[in-house]
Protein backbone atom coordinates (compact mmCIF):
# COMPACT_ATOMS: atom_id res chain seq x y z
CA MET A 1 8.30 -4.47 -22.63
CA SER A 2 7.43 -2.99 -19.25
CA ARG A 3 9.58 -1.88 -16.33
CA LEU A 4 9.14 -2.27 -12.63
CA PHE A 5 10.91 -0.97 -9.60
CA VAL A 6 11.10 -3.10 -6.42
CA SER A 7 12.26 -2.09 -2.92
CA THR A 8 13.63 -4.73 -0.63
CA TYR A 9 14.95 -4.87 2.92
CA GLN A 10 18.12 -6.21 1.48
CA GLY A 11 19.00 -2.55 1.30
CA ARG A 12 18.48 -1.92 -2.42
CA ILE A 13 16.02 -0.97 -5.15
CA ALA A 14 15.99 -3.21 -8.24
CA THR A 15 14.89 -2.38 -11.75
CA LEU A 16 13.18 -5.18 -13.58
CA THR A 17 11.83 -5.63 -17.14
CA PHE A 18 8.82 -7.79 -17.89
CA ASP A 19 8.54 -9.29 -21.42
CA PRO A 20 4.93 -10.46 -21.84
CA GLU A 21 5.65 -12.56 -24.97
CA ALA A 22 8.40 -14.50 -23.29
CA ALA A 23 6.66 -14.36 -19.86
CA HIS A 24 9.95 -13.38 -18.33
CA LEU A 25 11.06 -11.01 -15.56
CA GLU A 26 14.70 -9.85 -15.63
CA GLU A 27 16.66 -7.63 -13.26
CA ILE A 28 18.58 -5.07 -15.25
CA ALA A 29 19.76 -2.65 -12.58
CA SER A 30 20.15 -2.17 -8.82
CA THR A 31 21.18 0.52 -6.40
CA GLU A 32 22.18 0.29 -2.74
CA ASP A 33 21.98 4.06 -2.44
CA SER A 34 18.44 3.48 -1.15
CA GLY A 35 19.52 2.97 2.46
CA ASP A 36 19.22 -0.05 4.77
CA ARG A 37 15.40 -0.55 4.55
CA PRO A 38 13.80 1.18 1.52
CA THR A 39 10.03 0.93 1.99
CA TRP A 40 7.39 2.71 -0.15
CA LEU A 41 8.19 3.85 -3.74
CA SER A 42 6.63 6.78 -5.61
CA LEU A 43 7.15 7.43 -9.22
CA ASP A 44 6.91 10.85 -10.85
CA HIS A 45 6.36 9.75 -14.47
CA LYS A 46 6.44 13.28 -15.90
CA ARG A 47 9.86 14.19 -14.44
CA ARG A 48 11.28 10.62 -14.39
CA ILE A 49 12.00 10.71 -10.70
CA LEU A 50 11.61 7.87 -8.23
CA TYR A 51 11.30 8.48 -4.51
CA THR A 52 11.75 6.13 -1.59
CA THR A 53 11.77 6.38 2.21
CA ASP A 54 14.49 4.49 4.12
CA GLY A 55 13.07 3.02 7.32
CA GLY A 56 16.43 2.05 8.73
CA SER A 57 18.30 3.38 11.70
CA ARG A 58 19.36 6.43 9.69
CA GLY A 59 15.99 7.12 8.02
CA SER A 60 15.85 9.28 4.96
CA LEU A 61 13.69 10.44 2.02
CA LYS A 62 15.64 9.90 -1.17
CA SER A 63 15.20 11.06 -4.79
CA PHE A 64 16.58 9.28 -7.85
CA ALA A 65 16.77 10.28 -11.47
CA ILE A 66 15.69 7.31 -13.71
CA GLN A 67 18.27 6.78 -16.42
CA ASN A 68 17.45 5.43 -19.93
CA ASP A 69 19.01 2.06 -19.07
CA GLY A 70 16.81 1.77 -16.02
CA SER A 71 19.56 2.52 -13.47
CA LEU A 72 18.88 5.04 -10.69
CA HIS A 73 21.12 8.13 -9.97
CA LEU A 74 20.83 9.54 -6.46
CA LEU A 75 19.86 13.21 -6.53
CA ASP A 76 19.29 14.00 -2.81
CA SER A 77 18.75 12.53 0.59
CA ILE A 78 17.07 14.20 3.64
CA GLY A 79 16.68 12.92 7.21
CA ILE A 80 13.22 11.79 8.34
CA PRO A 81 11.49 10.63 11.53
CA LYS A 82 11.24 6.89 12.39
CA GLY A 83 8.79 4.59 10.74
CA PRO A 84 7.86 5.84 7.26
CA ALA A 85 4.72 3.84 6.34
CA SER A 86 3.66 5.12 2.85
CA GLN A 87 3.93 8.19 0.53
CA THR A 88 1.50 10.37 -1.43
CA LEU A 89 2.60 12.81 -4.18
CA LEU A 90 0.69 16.09 -4.37
CA HIS A 91 0.49 19.02 -6.74
CA ASP A 92 1.68 17.15 -9.80
CA GLY A 93 4.68 15.75 -8.00
CA GLN A 94 5.83 19.06 -6.47
CA ARG A 95 5.16 17.88 -2.90
CA MET A 96 4.91 14.61 -0.94
CA THR A 97 3.27 13.64 2.33
CA VAL A 98 4.63 10.80 4.41
CA PRO A 99 3.05 9.24 7.52
CA PHE A 100 5.37 8.11 10.32
CA TYR A 101 4.08 5.14 12.21
CA TYR A 102 6.40 5.33 15.28
CA SER A 103 6.47 9.10 15.81
CA GLY A 104 2.77 9.61 15.30
CA SER A 105 3.23 12.37 12.74
CA ILE A 106 2.96 13.27 9.07
CA VAL A 107 5.52 15.44 7.14
CA THR A 108 5.00 17.20 3.86
CA TYR A 109 8.09 17.72 1.67
CA ASP A 110 8.88 20.28 -0.99
CA LEU A 111 9.95 18.39 -4.19
CA GLU A 112 9.99 21.33 -6.56
CA ASP A 113 13.70 20.69 -7.03
CA PRO A 114 14.33 16.91 -6.61
CA SER A 115 18.00 17.64 -6.05
CA ASP A 116 17.16 19.86 -3.06
CA LEU A 117 14.49 18.17 -0.89
CA LYS A 118 13.03 20.38 1.96
CA VAL A 119 10.61 19.91 4.85
CA LEU A 120 7.52 22.04 4.27
CA GLN A 121 5.20 21.15 7.11
CA GLU A 122 5.14 18.67 10.03
CA ILE A 123 2.03 17.78 12.00
CA SER A 124 2.16 15.60 15.19
CA PHE A 125 -0.98 13.91 16.36
CA PRO A 126 -1.93 13.84 20.03
CA ASN A 127 -2.15 10.41 21.60
CA ALA A 128 -5.64 9.24 22.18
CA SER A 129 -6.35 7.11 25.20
CA ALA A 130 -4.80 3.68 24.85
CA GLY A 131 -6.92 1.39 22.69
CA PRO A 132 -7.68 -2.29 23.48
CA GLY A 133 -5.80 -3.66 20.40
CA ARG A 134 -2.27 -4.42 19.60
CA ARG A 135 -0.14 -1.36 18.78
CA GLN A 136 -2.88 1.02 19.96
CA ASP A 137 -0.75 2.66 22.72
CA GLN A 138 -0.41 5.87 20.61
CA SER A 139 -1.38 7.55 17.30
CA ARG A 140 0.12 5.42 14.48
CA PRO A 141 -0.63 6.96 11.01
CA HIS A 142 -0.15 4.30 8.48
CA ASN A 143 -1.41 5.48 5.16
CA THR A 144 -1.99 8.79 3.38
CA THR A 145 -4.14 9.13 0.18
CA THR A 146 -6.01 11.77 -1.70
CA ASP A 147 -9.71 11.63 -2.21
CA ALA A 148 -11.32 11.35 -5.67
CA THR A 149 -11.36 15.10 -6.13
CA GLY A 150 -7.79 15.69 -5.15
CA ARG A 151 -8.88 18.45 -2.76
CA PHE A 152 -8.56 16.40 0.44
CA MET A 153 -6.09 14.01 1.96
CA VAL A 154 -7.06 11.30 4.51
CA ILE A 155 -4.79 9.58 6.91
CA ALA A 156 -5.55 6.11 8.23
CA ASP A 157 -4.47 6.26 11.95
CA LEU A 158 -4.25 2.59 12.96
CA GLY A 159 -3.37 3.35 16.58
CA ALA A 160 -6.14 5.89 17.27
CA ASP A 161 -8.90 4.16 15.13
CA ILE A 162 -9.37 7.55 13.24
CA VAL A 163 -9.49 8.38 9.56
CA ARG A 164 -8.21 11.97 9.70
CA VAL A 165 -9.27 14.40 6.95
CA PHE A 166 -7.17 17.33 5.75
CA SER A 167 -7.81 19.93 3.06
CA ILE A 168 -4.98 20.54 0.52
CA ASP A 169 -3.95 23.97 -0.69
CA ASP A 170 -0.92 25.61 -2.30
CA SER A 171 0.45 27.53 0.70
CA ASN A 172 3.64 26.74 2.72
CA THR A 173 1.26 24.91 5.12
CA PRO A 174 -0.48 22.79 2.54
CA LEU A 175 -2.47 20.56 4.91
CA ARG A 176 -5.16 21.70 7.34
CA GLU A 177 -7.04 19.12 9.49
CA ILE A 178 -10.77 19.72 9.10
CA SER A 179 -12.51 16.64 10.40
CA GLY A 180 -12.15 12.91 11.11
CA LEU A 181 -14.00 9.69 11.02
CA HIS A 182 -13.81 8.02 14.44
CA LEU A 183 -14.14 4.28 14.26
CA PRO A 184 -15.12 1.83 17.00
CA ARG A 185 -12.13 0.51 19.06
CA PRO A 186 -10.39 -1.63 17.94
CA THR A 187 -10.85 -1.37 14.20
CA PHE A 188 -7.18 -0.94 13.01
CA PRO A 189 -7.59 1.26 9.86
CA ARG A 190 -4.49 0.43 7.73
CA GLN A 191 -5.15 1.86 4.21
CA VAL A 192 -7.85 3.88 2.39
CA ALA A 193 -9.02 3.87 -1.25
CA PHE A 194 -11.51 6.10 -3.03
CA VAL A 195 -13.72 5.31 -6.07
CA ARG A 196 -15.71 7.76 -8.11
CA LEU A 197 -19.00 6.19 -9.22
CA PRO A 198 -21.65 7.67 -11.47
CA HIS A 199 -23.76 8.70 -8.43
CA GLY A 200 -20.87 9.96 -6.30
CA VAL A 201 -17.75 9.10 -4.39
CA HIS A 202 -17.16 6.09 -2.07
CA MET A 203 -14.36 5.49 0.46
CA TYR A 204 -13.15 2.01 1.43
CA ILE A 205 -11.08 1.38 4.52
CA LEU A 206 -9.00 -1.79 4.84
CA CYS A 207 -8.51 -2.69 8.45
CA GLU A 208 -5.55 -4.79 9.41
CA ASP A 209 -6.02 -6.91 12.57
CA SER A 210 -9.84 -6.87 12.32
CA ASN A 211 -9.75 -8.04 8.68
CA ARG A 212 -12.61 -5.73 7.72
CA LEU A 213 -13.27 -3.65 4.59
CA LEU A 214 -15.53 -0.74 5.46
CA GLY A 215 -17.50 1.14 2.75
CA PHE A 216 -18.78 4.75 3.12
CA LYS A 217 -20.63 7.13 0.83
CA VAL A 218 -18.79 10.50 0.82
CA ASP A 219 -20.73 13.75 0.74
CA TYR A 220 -18.95 17.09 0.15
CA GLN A 221 -20.28 19.98 2.09
CA LEU A 222 -20.51 23.64 1.08
CA GLY A 223 -18.31 24.55 4.05
CA GLY A 224 -15.47 22.43 2.55
CA GLU A 225 -15.79 19.30 4.69
CA MET A 226 -16.51 15.63 3.97
CA ASP A 227 -19.31 13.59 5.54
CA PHE A 228 -19.30 9.82 5.56
CA THR A 229 -22.33 7.55 5.52
CA PRO A 230 -21.72 3.83 6.41
CA VAL A 231 -22.67 1.56 3.54
CA GLN A 232 -21.08 -1.80 4.17
CA ASP A 233 -18.87 -3.80 6.57
CA VAL A 234 -17.17 -6.77 4.84
CA ASN A 235 -15.26 -9.55 6.51
CA VAL A 236 -12.37 -10.16 4.11
CA LEU A 237 -11.88 -13.66 5.45
CA VAL A 238 -15.22 -14.88 4.02
CA ARG A 239 -14.86 -16.73 0.74
CA GLU A 240 -17.18 -17.10 -2.28
CA ASP A 241 -18.78 -20.21 -0.80
CA GLY A 242 -19.46 -18.59 2.55
CA SER A 243 -16.70 -20.31 4.42
CA VAL A 244 -14.47 -18.31 6.68
CA ILE A 245 -10.74 -18.58 7.03
CA SER A 246 -9.70 -19.59 10.55
CA LEU A 247 -7.53 -17.36 12.69
CA TRP A 248 -4.23 -18.65 14.06
CA LYS A 249 -1.31 -17.47 16.07
CA ASP A 250 2.43 -17.80 15.30
CA PRO A 251 4.17 -18.98 18.51
CA SER A 252 7.52 -17.56 17.32
CA THR A 253 6.14 -13.97 17.20
CA PRO A 254 3.23 -13.88 19.76
CA SER A 255 3.40 -10.03 19.90
CA HIS A 256 2.25 -9.82 16.37
CA GLY A 257 -1.22 -11.24 17.28
CA TRP A 258 -3.55 -13.31 15.19
CA TYR A 259 -3.35 -14.20 11.52
CA PRO A 260 -4.33 -13.67 8.68
CA LYS A 261 -3.90 -9.91 8.47
CA ALA A 262 -5.19 -7.64 5.76
CA SER A 263 -2.33 -5.75 4.12
CA HIS A 264 -2.84 -3.74 0.89
CA ILE A 265 -5.81 -2.30 -1.03
CA ALA A 266 -5.99 -1.17 -4.66
CA VAL A 267 -8.70 0.01 -7.14
CA SER A 268 -8.70 -1.45 -10.65
CA PRO A 269 -7.96 1.08 -13.34
CA ASP A 270 -11.65 0.96 -14.62
CA ASN A 271 -13.00 1.69 -11.12
CA LYS A 272 -14.98 -1.56 -11.15
CA PHE A 273 -13.11 -3.67 -8.63
CA ILE A 274 -11.44 -3.48 -5.24
CA ILE A 275 -8.53 -5.84 -4.54
CA VAL A 276 -7.05 -6.56 -1.23
CA SER A 277 -4.12 -8.84 -0.10
CA LEU A 278 -4.01 -11.03 2.95
CA ARG A 279 -0.96 -12.11 4.87
CA GLY A 280 -0.91 -15.55 6.43
CA ASP A 281 -4.22 -17.04 5.23
CA TYR A 282 -2.46 -20.11 3.58
CA SER A 283 -5.45 -20.62 1.19
CA HIS A 284 -3.75 -21.67 -2.08
CA ARG A 285 -1.20 -24.02 -3.42
CA GLY A 286 1.53 -22.49 -5.50
CA THR A 287 3.98 -24.14 -7.87
CA SER A 288 6.58 -21.59 -8.73
CA PRO A 289 9.42 -21.07 -8.14
CA GLU A 290 9.03 -23.88 -5.59
CA GLU A 291 6.06 -25.74 -4.16
CA THR A 292 4.58 -23.55 -1.39
CA VAL A 293 1.29 -22.61 0.21
CA CYS A 294 0.29 -19.15 -0.84
CA ASP A 295 -1.71 -16.26 0.57
CA SER A 296 -4.65 -14.55 -1.09
CA LEU A 297 -5.57 -11.71 -3.34
CA VAL A 298 -9.29 -11.08 -2.91
CA SER A 299 -11.28 -9.11 -5.41
CA TYR A 300 -14.61 -7.44 -5.02
CA ALA A 301 -16.99 -6.11 -7.71
CA ILE A 302 -18.30 -2.58 -7.06
CA ASP A 303 -21.94 -1.97 -7.71
CA PRO A 304 -21.93 1.27 -9.70
CA ASP A 305 -25.23 2.47 -8.29
CA THR A 306 -24.78 1.66 -4.56
CA GLY A 307 -21.11 1.16 -4.02
CA ILE A 308 -21.83 -2.24 -2.39
CA LEU A 309 -19.03 -4.82 -2.76
CA THR A 310 -19.64 -8.40 -3.86
CA ILE A 311 -16.80 -10.91 -3.70
CA ALA A 312 -15.71 -11.79 -7.28
CA ASP A 313 -12.62 -13.86 -6.74
CA SER A 314 -10.16 -15.31 -4.25
CA ALA A 315 -6.85 -16.16 -5.92
CA SER A 316 -3.28 -17.14 -5.09
CA SER A 317 -0.95 -14.20 -4.63
CA GLY A 318 1.91 -16.35 -5.82
CA GLY A 319 3.68 -16.48 -2.47
CA ASN A 320 3.67 -15.72 1.31
CA ILE A 321 3.19 -12.29 2.87
CA PRO A 322 1.98 -10.21 -0.14
CA ARG A 323 2.61 -6.96 1.67
CA HIS A 324 2.13 -5.00 -1.53
CA PHE A 325 0.95 -5.38 -5.15
CA ALA A 326 0.37 -3.17 -8.07
CA LEU A 327 -1.79 -3.35 -11.22
CA ASN A 328 -0.55 -2.25 -14.63
CA LYS A 329 -2.39 0.45 -16.60
CA ALA A 330 -4.45 -1.99 -18.57
CA GLY A 331 -5.45 -3.82 -15.39
CA ASP A 332 -4.60 -7.22 -16.97
CA LEU A 333 -1.40 -7.88 -14.93
CA VAL A 334 -0.73 -7.79 -11.20
CA ALA A 335 2.83 -7.54 -9.71
CA VAL A 336 3.02 -8.91 -6.19
CA VAL A 337 5.90 -8.87 -3.67
CA ALA A 338 6.18 -12.08 -1.60
CA GLN A 339 7.94 -10.76 1.44
CA ARG A 340 8.57 -14.05 3.09
CA ASN A 341 9.70 -15.92 -0.04
CA GLY A 342 11.85 -13.04 -1.42
CA TRP A 343 10.38 -13.07 -4.87
CA ILE A 344 8.25 -10.96 -7.25
CA SER A 345 5.37 -12.62 -9.14
CA VAL A 346 3.46 -11.27 -12.10
CA LEU A 347 -0.04 -12.69 -12.35
CA ASN A 348 -2.64 -12.62 -15.17
CA ARG A 349 -5.89 -10.78 -14.53
CA ASP A 350 -9.17 -10.59 -16.53
CA PRO A 351 -10.28 -6.92 -16.39
CA GLY A 352 -13.87 -7.92 -17.29
CA THR A 353 -14.54 -10.46 -14.54
CA GLY A 354 -11.91 -9.22 -12.14
CA LYS A 355 -10.57 -12.78 -11.77
CA ILE A 356 -6.85 -13.21 -11.17
CA GLY A 357 -5.24 -16.12 -12.97
CA GLY A 358 -1.96 -17.93 -12.61
CA VAL A 359 1.59 -16.86 -12.31
CA VAL A 360 3.06 -15.56 -15.57
CA ALA A 361 6.55 -14.85 -14.40
CA VAL A 362 8.55 -14.97 -11.14
CA LYS A 363 11.91 -13.42 -10.21
CA ASP A 364 13.57 -14.37 -6.90
CA GLY A 365 16.71 -13.12 -5.17
CA PHE A 366 15.12 -10.29 -3.14
CA GLY A 367 15.89 -11.64 0.35
CA GLY A 368 13.45 -13.93 1.96
CA ASP A 369 15.51 -15.09 4.98
CA PHE A 370 12.84 -15.51 7.59
CA THR A 371 12.45 -14.49 11.24
CA GLY A 372 9.02 -15.34 12.55
CA PHE A 373 5.94 -15.43 10.42
CA HIS A 374 5.52 -11.69 10.18
CA GLY A 375 7.85 -11.55 7.29
CA SER A 376 11.43 -11.55 6.21
CA LEU A 377 13.58 -8.72 7.57
CA ARG A 378 15.27 -8.71 4.14
CA GLY A 379 12.42 -9.42 1.74
CA PRO A 380 10.78 -7.26 -0.93
CA VAL A 381 8.21 -4.71 0.35
CA ASN A 382 7.00 -2.46 -2.55
CA VAL A 383 6.58 -2.60 -6.34
CA VAL A 384 5.58 -0.05 -8.93
CA TRP A 385 5.05 -0.32 -12.65
CA ASP A 386 6.88 2.16 -14.98
CA GLU A 387 4.77 2.33 -18.08
């Protein structure tokens, strides 16, 4: 029996159990202490603490103690800037860095005492000249992640078309910007993932509006910097047979641009596959919990010698607007949030081939009322396994 936590713009965090033998998801607890719009979730397994950022009008970072019955007990809440986009735990859960999409900044928090959250460091990015793309009027950091060594943090700045690189240390100013990868405009870097291969480290950048997956070989210099060598530029709209998904525009939300849009990237636990989700590609027919056309999860096999990606699978995500997904530790299950539909799906996955199978279980009731194609204002947005 596994547990999952799900955040939803209903204004709550739900605790679910997944029974693989019964193929059943059940909600066992829920808290509305999460704020109006809980977004990203981070789980400190060792200390049994769950963190979320509330992106509502009174934004906050919140810490919860996980109880034995799966319920969440609020420990502390601290005000934050507008637009939290992701989270990254550092120093074995003692610190956390959050990028803020609307304020063009990142903030590192002291989590040493989860009952007393503190701001440790705030960095604001200067606005680059306005880019040609949608939402490129300012710096818009969207994702923070650590590299494969844990010594560096990178920030995908969607607005400035820069992947910013910071060194990490133990001081009261833990992040120091040392370099950056400037991408052609507009590229729209949304999220970054690292993979350690036998011959070295590779970085993969998922780009939102351009629907590209960029691969780079990473070299670590003696001076403490990172160099990036381009390896591959993948169009994530290309399928196994070479066909390309057509772009389209939603007339109800013209400011959101063209669809599909790349959303989330993850590396399989064995470091052999990259998986990305697409929002609005309408490529698959689903059957549960109702007949619907579903968006895609696309899997790529990683060549262990070169880091080159080869498409391995394009499968149904189990719903519309798969904003986020998470693999379990074994890599044989994928939990997906369908933001438009308001449900959570658990899908089978073959770790050997990387192919994602059918829906094992679905749980709805997480919002799904719909305003424009971009996604429900009350749907689920993030999911984490608790194993």
